[in-house]
Amino acid sequence: MVNATTDYAAGLVSPLLLPRDLPLLVDDRLTGDEGFLFTPTGERRTALRLHSLDLLRSLPSRTIELPAEAREAVAVRH
C-alpha cells in the first residue's frame, strides 16, 4: 500500500506529510522516551533527526503491537 500510494519503497518513506487517507501505524515499542530518531526524507542519503516524542505528537497515527514475524522483518531490512 505504501509503495503504491507514494511511489517510494516503504522503508524510504517519511512518516510526515503522508496522505490523510493512508493508515499510519506506529510500533508500540516507540513510547517517546527513546530520545532522537532518524526518519527518511524521500531523498537519497538524507534523514531527518527529531525527538521521538515530537514525532509521535505530530502523527495522525495509532500504536499497534507488531507480531514477532513483522518485527523480525523490519530488523532485517534496516
Protein backbone atom coordinates (compact mmCIF):
# COMPACT_ATOMS: atom_id res chain seq x y z
CA MET A 1 0.00 0.00 0.00
CA VAL A 2 2.83 2.43 0.87
CA ASN A 3 4.67 1.76 -2.38
CA ALA A 4 1.56 2.18 -4.50
CA THR A 5 0.44 5.36 -2.75
CA THR A 6 3.78 7.17 -2.55
CA ASP A 7 5.84 5.69 -5.42
CA TYR A 8 8.66 5.11 -2.91
CA ALA A 9 9.89 1.91 -1.28
CA ALA A 10 8.21 1.57 2.12
CA GLY A 11 11.49 1.81 4.04
CA LEU A 12 12.31 5.13 2.39
CA VAL A 13 9.04 6.91 3.13
CA SER A 14 8.95 9.55 5.82
CA PRO A 15 6.03 9.28 8.24
CA LEU A 16 5.50 13.03 7.82
CA LEU A 17 3.18 14.64 5.24
CA LEU A 18 1.58 11.41 4.06
CA PRO A 19 -1.91 11.48 2.56
CA ARG A 20 -4.57 11.59 5.30
CA ASP A 21 -6.31 8.51 3.93
CA LEU A 22 -3.15 6.37 4.23
CA PRO A 23 -3.31 4.44 7.52
CA LEU A 24 -0.28 5.18 9.71
CA LEU A 25 0.59 2.59 12.34
CA VAL A 26 3.34 3.02 14.94
CA ASP A 27 5.10 0.10 16.63
CA ASP A 28 4.08 0.14 20.30
CA ARG A 29 7.75 -0.15 21.33
CA LEU A 30 8.15 3.51 20.39
CA THR A 31 6.98 5.32 23.52
CA GLY A 32 8.53 8.74 23.15
CA ASP A 33 11.29 8.12 25.68
CA GLU A 34 13.88 6.96 23.15
CA GLY A 35 15.49 10.33 22.54
CA PHE A 36 16.21 11.20 18.95
CA LEU A 37 15.15 9.26 15.87
CA PHE A 38 16.12 9.50 12.24
CA THR A 39 13.42 9.21 9.61
CA PRO A 40 13.84 9.02 5.84
CA THR A 41 13.05 12.10 3.80
CA GLY A 42 12.50 10.52 0.40
CA GLU A 43 15.86 11.79 -0.83
CA ARG A 44 18.92 9.56 -1.09
CA ARG A 45 21.44 9.76 1.76
CA THR A 46 19.35 12.18 3.82
CA ALA A 47 17.44 11.77 7.08
CA LEU A 48 15.50 13.99 9.42
CA ARG A 49 16.57 13.95 13.08
CA LEU A 50 13.84 14.64 15.60
CA HIS A 51 12.86 13.65 19.10
CA SER A 52 10.62 10.60 19.21
CA LEU A 53 8.02 12.38 21.35
CA ASP A 54 7.77 15.21 18.80
CA LEU A 55 7.28 12.67 16.04
CA LEU A 56 4.52 10.87 17.95
CA ARG A 57 2.73 14.14 18.71
CA SER A 58 2.77 15.22 15.07
CA LEU A 59 1.45 11.99 13.54
CA PRO A 60 -2.21 11.15 12.96
CA SER A 61 -1.48 7.55 13.91
CA ARG A 62 -2.32 4.79 16.29
CA THR A 63 0.05 2.41 18.02
CA ILE A 64 -0.09 -1.32 17.44
CA GLU A 65 1.79 -4.32 18.74
CA LEU A 66 3.68 -5.82 15.84
CA PRO A 67 3.74 -9.62 15.68
CA ALA A 68 7.17 -11.20 16.16
CA GLU A 69 7.45 -12.04 12.44
CA ALA A 70 6.88 -8.39 11.47
CA ARG A 71 9.45 -7.16 13.99
CA GLU A 72 12.00 -9.59 12.58
CA ALA A 73 11.24 -8.48 9.01
CA VAL A 74 11.73 -4.82 9.96
CA ALA A 75 15.00 -5.60 11.74
CA VAL A 76 16.33 -7.46 8.70
CA ARG A 77 15.54 -4.60 6.30
CA HIS A 78 17.29 -2.00 8.45
